[in-house]
Amino acid sequence: MFNALAGRRHFRDLSEAEVLALAISSEEDDARIYATYAHELRADYPQTAAAFDEMAQEEDGHRRRLIDLWQARFSGPIPLIRREHVAGYYTRRPVWLVNNLGLETIRSEAERMEARARDFYIAAAQHSSDPETRRLLGDLAAAEVRHEEKARAAAERLEGPEGAAELGAERRQFVLTWVQPGLAGLMDGSVSTLAPIFATAFATQDSGTTFLVGLAASVGAGISMGFTEAAHDDGVISGRGAPWKRGVASGVMTALGGLGHALPYLLPQFWVATGIAFAVVFVELWAIAWIQNRYMDTPYLRAIFQVVLGGALVLGAGILIGGG
């Protein structure tokens, strides 16, 4: 850590030429960050991408004005000085390197960027004794305030008609990446493990054995479903999102679906545990039907037929096999 700080200088120790050079590099970085945001958002969120395109162009214009001022006041090459070279100077979190950032995360980060840039220009103006430099830095501080307001307005447009399409696209992506795989896993775990768990329960009438079978079936099904979901589609063509996210959603929900009616068998009283397990199954199946209706736009009666009736048949099969 001390080696990293050894070559850094405090903002108060910078010359006016170095302050301007720092402002130039900061504007260049911000323009590239906004251009990156615009590129990432363009396909799904064109309104927000257009706003970031405009902000990137304005930041590039700020950079050119700063370069003109530096060349008018100083001679020689512009020194290379960046945020990381100044102790105590604000930094940019490299969130632009993260794939599939949420719309709200990007908008919030842009608003935070502009607020910090505004504070920098106010401090830089106080640092300078040249009237022309102070005037330009004050103008840039005001421009960053307008950018901050623009970023805030972009977030507020989510509540209006302009943002409705973008919110719909974001919701669709959430459904494709998390809800669909998770729902498939929950259905598989809740339904497919009914037969082995309740067959074991009625065959042995032993809580400990039933729990171990249920635990093994749930964990095994979760691992299998998770790997299958992640491996069968890389998401590039389908647009369903990162494979690991879908794999996690499917695997975890599959295991939870099975564990829901296996955990009651931790109780040593077999019939008490079985009664609780029946209640859990009832809640699970109706919850899945509600999720299908809420997120997948499946008609409620169809969801009930597919999930509740199907689950009841599997449960009955397990009881008959175990009881026989």
Protein backbone atom coordinates (compact mmCIF):
# COMPACT_ATOMS: atom_id res chain seq x y z
CA MET A 1 0.00 0.00 0.00
CA PHE A 2 2.81 2.44 0.90
CA ASN A 3 4.51 1.82 -2.46
CA ALA A 4 1.27 2.70 -4.23
CA LEU A 5 1.02 5.99 -2.31
CA ALA A 6 4.70 6.94 -2.57
CA GLY A 7 4.46 8.70 -5.96
CA ARG A 8 1.13 10.44 -5.36
CA ARG A 9 0.71 14.13 -4.61
CA HIS A 10 -2.05 15.96 -2.80
CA PHE A 11 -4.41 18.11 -4.81
CA ARG A 12 -3.38 21.21 -2.88
CA ASP A 13 0.22 20.73 -4.04
CA LEU A 14 -0.57 20.69 -7.76
CA SER A 15 0.29 23.64 -9.96
CA GLU A 16 -2.40 25.29 -12.08
CA ALA A 17 -0.98 23.55 -15.17
CA GLU A 18 -1.25 20.20 -13.43
CA VAL A 19 -4.81 20.91 -12.25
CA LEU A 20 -5.84 21.67 -15.82
CA ALA A 21 -4.05 18.53 -17.05
CA LEU A 22 -5.93 16.51 -14.43
CA ALA A 23 -9.21 18.04 -15.59
CA ILE A 24 -8.38 17.18 -19.21
CA SER A 25 -7.69 13.51 -18.44
CA SER A 26 -10.80 13.31 -16.22
CA GLU A 27 -13.05 14.65 -18.97
CA GLU A 28 -11.54 12.20 -21.43
CA ASP A 29 -12.17 9.31 -19.05
CA ASP A 30 -15.75 10.40 -18.37
CA ALA A 31 -16.52 10.74 -22.09
CA ARG A 32 -15.28 7.20 -22.70
CA ILE A 33 -17.28 5.85 -19.75
CA TYR A 34 -20.48 7.47 -21.02
CA ALA A 35 -19.80 6.21 -24.55
CA THR A 36 -19.38 2.71 -23.10
CA TYR A 37 -22.68 2.98 -21.22
CA ALA A 38 -24.41 4.16 -24.42
CA HIS A 39 -22.99 1.24 -26.40
CA GLU A 40 -24.06 -1.31 -23.79
CA LEU A 41 -27.59 0.11 -23.49
CA ARG A 42 -28.34 0.94 -27.10
CA ALA A 43 -30.03 -2.31 -28.10
CA ASP A 44 -32.41 -2.55 -25.14
CA TYR A 45 -32.65 1.02 -23.82
CA PRO A 46 -32.36 3.47 -26.75
CA GLN A 47 -33.72 6.48 -24.84
CA THR A 48 -31.13 6.20 -22.10
CA ALA A 49 -28.38 5.38 -24.62
CA ALA A 50 -29.14 8.60 -26.52
CA ALA A 51 -28.82 10.59 -23.29
CA PHE A 52 -25.41 9.03 -22.59
CA ASP A 53 -24.30 9.71 -26.18
CA GLU A 54 -25.12 13.38 -25.67
CA MET A 55 -23.31 13.49 -22.32
CA ALA A 56 -20.23 11.84 -23.87
CA GLN A 57 -20.15 14.48 -26.62
CA GLU A 58 -20.46 17.28 -24.08
CA GLU A 59 -17.64 15.85 -21.96
CA ASP A 60 -15.49 15.72 -25.11
CA GLY A 61 -16.32 19.37 -25.72
CA HIS A 62 -15.22 20.20 -22.17
CA ARG A 63 -11.94 18.43 -22.82
CA ARG A 64 -11.29 20.50 -25.95
CA ARG A 65 -12.03 23.76 -24.11
CA LEU A 66 -9.63 22.78 -21.35
CA ILE A 67 -6.92 21.89 -23.87
CA ASP A 68 -7.37 25.27 -25.59
CA LEU A 69 -7.01 27.06 -22.26
CA TRP A 70 -3.95 25.03 -21.27
CA GLN A 71 -2.22 25.75 -24.60
CA ALA A 72 -3.03 29.44 -24.31
CA ARG A 73 -1.49 29.69 -20.84
CA PHE A 74 1.32 27.16 -20.83
CA SER A 75 3.91 25.74 -23.22
CA GLY A 76 5.19 22.25 -23.92
CA PRO A 77 3.31 18.96 -23.80
CA ILE A 78 0.36 18.54 -21.47
CA PRO A 79 1.60 16.49 -18.49
CA LEU A 80 0.04 13.09 -17.99
CA ILE A 81 -1.73 13.18 -14.64
CA ARG A 82 -4.76 11.09 -13.77
CA ARG A 83 -7.01 10.59 -10.77
CA GLU A 84 -4.95 7.72 -9.43
CA HIS A 85 -1.86 9.99 -9.35
CA VAL A 86 -3.43 12.36 -6.80
CA ALA A 87 -3.77 11.42 -3.14
CA GLY A 88 -7.25 11.99 -1.77
CA TYR A 89 -8.70 12.64 -5.22
CA TYR A 90 -12.05 11.08 -6.05
CA THR A 91 -11.99 7.88 -8.09
CA ARG A 92 -14.36 6.23 -10.50
CA ARG A 93 -15.59 2.77 -9.55
CA PRO A 94 -14.93 0.62 -12.65
CA VAL A 95 -18.56 -0.47 -12.90
CA TRP A 96 -18.41 -0.06 -16.69
CA LEU A 97 -16.28 -3.23 -16.78
CA VAL A 98 -19.15 -5.27 -15.31
CA ASN A 99 -21.35 -7.03 -17.85
CA ASN A 100 -25.15 -6.81 -17.66
CA LEU A 101 -25.30 -3.86 -15.30
CA GLY A 102 -28.83 -2.93 -14.34
CA LEU A 103 -30.37 0.20 -15.79
CA GLU A 104 -30.81 1.80 -12.39
CA THR A 105 -27.19 1.04 -11.43
CA ILE A 106 -25.85 2.82 -14.51
CA ARG A 107 -28.10 5.84 -14.02
CA SER A 108 -27.20 6.13 -10.34
CA GLU A 109 -23.49 5.84 -11.12
CA ALA A 110 -23.77 8.60 -13.76
CA GLU A 111 -25.44 10.91 -11.26
CA ARG A 112 -22.68 10.19 -8.73
CA MET A 113 -19.99 10.86 -11.36
CA GLU A 114 -21.40 14.27 -12.21
CA ALA A 115 -21.72 15.29 -8.55
CA ARG A 116 -18.05 14.48 -7.94
CA ALA A 117 -16.96 16.25 -11.12
CA ARG A 118 -18.89 19.36 -10.03
CA ASP A 119 -17.12 19.35 -6.65
CA PHE A 120 -13.76 18.98 -8.42
CA TYR A 121 -14.32 22.02 -10.65
CA ILE A 122 -15.43 24.13 -7.72
CA ALA A 123 -12.24 23.19 -5.83
CA ALA A 124 -10.11 23.71 -8.96
CA ALA A 125 -11.55 27.19 -9.52
CA GLN A 126 -10.63 28.15 -5.96
CA HIS A 127 -7.14 26.77 -6.63
CA SER A 128 -6.56 29.15 -9.57
CA SER A 129 -5.70 32.85 -9.53
CA ASP A 130 -6.16 33.40 -13.28
CA PRO A 131 -9.55 35.03 -14.07
CA GLU A 132 -9.99 33.21 -17.39
CA THR A 133 -9.20 29.86 -15.80
CA ARG A 134 -11.57 30.52 -12.91
CA ARG A 135 -14.32 31.49 -15.34
CA LEU A 136 -13.92 28.31 -17.42
CA LEU A 137 -13.76 26.05 -14.38
CA GLY A 138 -16.87 27.73 -12.98
CA ASP A 139 -18.65 27.18 -16.30
CA LEU A 140 -17.67 23.52 -16.27
CA ALA A 141 -18.92 23.14 -12.69
CA ALA A 142 -22.27 24.53 -13.85
CA ALA A 143 -22.23 22.16 -16.83
CA GLU A 144 -21.66 19.20 -14.52
CA VAL A 145 -24.66 20.31 -12.47
CA ARG A 146 -26.73 20.21 -15.67
CA HIS A 147 -25.38 16.74 -16.39
CA GLU A 148 -26.32 15.66 -12.87
CA GLU A 149 -29.84 16.96 -13.47
CA LYS A 150 -29.93 15.16 -16.82
CA ALA A 151 -28.93 11.88 -15.17
CA ARG A 152 -31.61 12.42 -12.53
CA ALA A 153 -34.18 13.25 -15.21
CA ALA A 154 -33.28 10.05 -17.05
CA ALA A 155 -34.16 8.10 -13.92
CA GLU A 156 -37.40 10.05 -13.50
CA ARG A 157 -38.41 9.27 -17.08
CA LEU A 158 -38.79 5.66 -15.97
CA GLU A 159 -42.10 6.74 -14.44
CA GLY A 160 -43.35 8.33 -17.67
CA PRO A 161 -44.24 7.01 -21.11
CA GLU A 162 -40.69 7.47 -22.43
CA GLY A 163 -39.35 4.97 -19.93
CA ALA A 164 -42.18 2.45 -20.21
CA ALA A 165 -40.58 0.56 -23.09
CA GLU A 166 -37.19 0.49 -21.35
CA LEU A 167 -38.71 -0.74 -18.12
CA GLY A 168 -40.52 -3.42 -20.10
CA ALA A 169 -37.24 -4.50 -21.69
CA GLU A 170 -35.51 -4.59 -18.32
CA ARG A 171 -38.35 -6.64 -16.85
CA ARG A 172 -38.18 -9.07 -19.78
CA GLN A 173 -34.43 -9.50 -19.26
CA PHE A 174 -34.96 -10.15 -15.56
CA VAL A 175 -37.60 -12.75 -16.38
CA LEU A 176 -35.39 -14.48 -18.97
CA THR A 177 -32.27 -14.54 -16.80
CA TRP A 178 -33.64 -15.22 -13.34
CA VAL A 179 -37.37 -15.97 -13.21
CA GLN A 180 -37.68 -18.53 -16.01
CA PRO A 181 -34.71 -20.70 -14.95
CA GLY A 182 -35.62 -20.31 -11.29
CA LEU A 183 -39.23 -21.21 -11.94
CA ALA A 184 -38.22 -24.26 -13.98
CA GLY A 185 -35.92 -25.33 -11.15
CA LEU A 186 -38.56 -24.76 -8.48
CA MET A 187 -41.08 -26.79 -10.43
CA ASP A 188 -38.60 -29.60 -11.04
CA GLY A 189 -37.41 -29.69 -7.46
CA SER A 190 -40.88 -29.43 -5.94
CA VAL A 191 -42.57 -31.95 -8.20
CA SER A 192 -39.90 -34.49 -9.18
CA THR A 193 -38.78 -35.10 -5.59
CA LEU A 194 -42.31 -35.75 -4.32
CA ALA A 195 -42.35 -39.36 -5.45
CA PRO A 196 -39.01 -40.51 -3.94
CA ILE A 197 -39.51 -38.60 -0.68
CA PHE A 198 -43.07 -39.77 0.02
CA ALA A 199 -42.43 -43.26 -1.29
CA THR A 200 -39.58 -43.54 1.22
CA ALA A 201 -41.72 -41.98 3.95
CA PHE A 202 -44.61 -44.41 3.60
CA ALA A 203 -42.35 -47.39 2.98
CA THR A 204 -40.17 -46.86 6.07
CA GLN A 205 -42.22 -44.55 8.29
CA ASP A 206 -38.88 -43.32 9.55
CA SER A 207 -38.17 -39.56 9.64
CA GLY A 208 -34.38 -39.87 9.55
CA THR A 209 -34.27 -42.10 6.49
CA THR A 210 -36.86 -39.98 4.68
CA PHE A 211 -34.88 -36.81 5.35
CA LEU A 212 -31.64 -38.31 4.03
CA VAL A 213 -33.36 -39.48 0.84
CA GLY A 214 -35.00 -36.08 0.42
CA LEU A 215 -31.72 -34.24 1.01
CA ALA A 216 -29.86 -36.41 -1.50
CA ALA A 217 -32.61 -36.09 -4.11
CA SER A 218 -32.84 -32.29 -3.70
CA VAL A 219 -29.11 -31.58 -3.79
CA GLY A 220 -28.53 -33.97 -6.68
CA ALA A 221 -31.40 -32.48 -8.67
CA GLY A 222 -30.12 -28.96 -7.97
CA ILE A 223 -26.62 -29.74 -9.22
CA SER A 224 -27.97 -31.48 -12.30
CA MET A 225 -30.44 -28.72 -13.20
CA GLY A 226 -27.86 -25.98 -12.58
CA PHE A 227 -25.26 -27.50 -14.88
CA THR A 228 -27.85 -28.35 -17.52
CA GLU A 229 -29.24 -24.81 -17.61
CA ALA A 230 -25.79 -23.21 -17.79
CA ALA A 231 -24.46 -25.58 -20.43
CA HIS A 232 -27.31 -25.84 -22.91
CA ASP A 233 -27.52 -22.13 -23.87
CA ASP A 234 -24.75 -19.50 -23.76
CA GLY A 235 -27.35 -16.73 -24.05
CA VAL A 236 -25.70 -15.04 -27.04
CA ILE A 237 -28.43 -15.79 -29.57
CA SER A 238 -31.36 -16.28 -27.21
CA GLY A 239 -30.59 -13.14 -25.19
CA ARG A 240 -31.39 -14.98 -21.96
CA GLY A 241 -28.42 -13.58 -20.08
CA ALA A 242 -25.24 -15.01 -18.57
CA PRO A 243 -25.23 -18.82 -18.33
CA TRP A 244 -23.87 -18.80 -14.77
CA LYS A 245 -26.72 -16.61 -13.56
CA ARG A 246 -29.32 -18.89 -15.09
CA GLY A 247 -27.48 -21.94 -13.75
CA VAL A 248 -27.41 -20.51 -10.22
CA ALA A 249 -31.09 -19.58 -10.38
CA SER A 250 -32.12 -23.00 -11.66
CA GLY A 251 -29.85 -25.02 -9.37
CA VAL A 252 -30.64 -23.17 -6.16
CA MET A 253 -34.40 -23.13 -6.75
CA THR A 254 -34.41 -26.83 -7.67
CA ALA A 255 -32.68 -27.71 -4.41
CA LEU A 256 -34.97 -25.43 -2.39
CA GLY A 257 -38.04 -26.89 -4.06
CA GLY A 258 -37.07 -30.37 -2.93
CA LEU A 259 -35.81 -29.37 0.50
CA GLY A 260 -39.07 -27.63 1.30
CA HIS A 261 -40.88 -30.90 1.90
CA ALA A 262 -37.79 -32.81 3.07
CA LEU A 263 -36.91 -30.53 5.99
CA PRO A 264 -40.03 -31.40 8.06
CA TYR A 265 -38.58 -34.89 8.43
CA LEU A 266 -35.93 -33.50 10.74
CA LEU A 267 -38.69 -33.94 13.34
CA PRO A 268 -38.52 -37.40 14.92
CA GLN A 269 -42.33 -37.70 15.09
CA PHE A 270 -43.08 -39.27 11.71
CA TRP A 271 -46.77 -38.38 11.36
CA VAL A 272 -46.24 -34.80 12.58
CA ALA A 273 -43.43 -34.38 10.04
CA THR A 274 -45.59 -35.89 7.30
CA GLY A 275 -48.48 -33.55 8.07
CA ILE A 276 -46.15 -30.54 7.88
CA ALA A 277 -44.64 -31.87 4.65
CA PHE A 278 -48.12 -32.14 3.10
CA ALA A 279 -48.80 -28.51 4.08
CA VAL A 280 -45.49 -27.40 2.57
CA VAL A 281 -46.28 -29.21 -0.69
CA PHE A 282 -49.66 -27.50 -0.84
CA VAL A 283 -48.06 -24.06 -0.39
CA GLU A 284 -45.25 -24.82 -2.88
CA LEU A 285 -47.55 -25.89 -5.69
CA TRP A 286 -49.86 -22.92 -5.31
CA ALA A 287 -46.88 -20.55 -5.07
CA ILE A 288 -45.51 -21.91 -8.34
CA ALA A 289 -48.89 -21.42 -10.00
CA TRP A 290 -48.95 -17.81 -8.77
CA ILE A 291 -45.40 -17.14 -10.03
CA GLN A 292 -46.30 -18.54 -13.44
CA ASN A 293 -49.31 -16.26 -13.61
CA ARG A 294 -47.44 -13.22 -12.27
CA TYR A 295 -44.19 -13.37 -14.25
CA MET A 296 -44.90 -15.69 -17.18
CA ASP A 297 -48.38 -14.37 -18.02
CA THR A 298 -49.72 -17.93 -17.84
CA PRO A 299 -53.51 -17.97 -17.37
CA TYR A 300 -54.23 -18.86 -13.78
CA LEU A 301 -56.42 -21.89 -14.54
CA ARG A 302 -53.78 -23.28 -16.89
CA ALA A 303 -51.08 -22.76 -14.25
CA ILE A 304 -53.20 -24.57 -11.67
CA PHE A 305 -53.81 -27.47 -14.07
CA GLN A 306 -50.13 -27.79 -15.01
CA VAL A 307 -48.62 -27.43 -11.54
CA VAL A 308 -51.16 -28.35 -8.88
CA LEU A 309 -52.76 -31.25 -10.71
CA GLY A 310 -49.41 -32.55 -11.98
CA GLY A 311 -47.86 -32.29 -8.52
CA ALA A 312 -50.83 -34.07 -6.96
CA LEU A 313 -50.45 -36.96 -9.39
CA VAL A 314 -46.73 -37.32 -8.62
CA LEU A 315 -47.46 -37.14 -4.87
CA GLY A 316 -50.14 -39.78 -5.20
CA ALA A 317 -47.78 -42.02 -7.14
CA GLY A 318 -45.15 -41.78 -4.41
CA ILE A 319 -47.66 -42.58 -1.67
CA LEU A 320 -49.05 -45.56 -3.57
CA ILE A 321 -45.61 -46.96 -4.32
CA GLY A 322 -44.40 -46.52 -0.76
CA GLY A 323 -47.60 -47.71 0.87
CA GLY A 324 -47.78 -50.79 -1.31
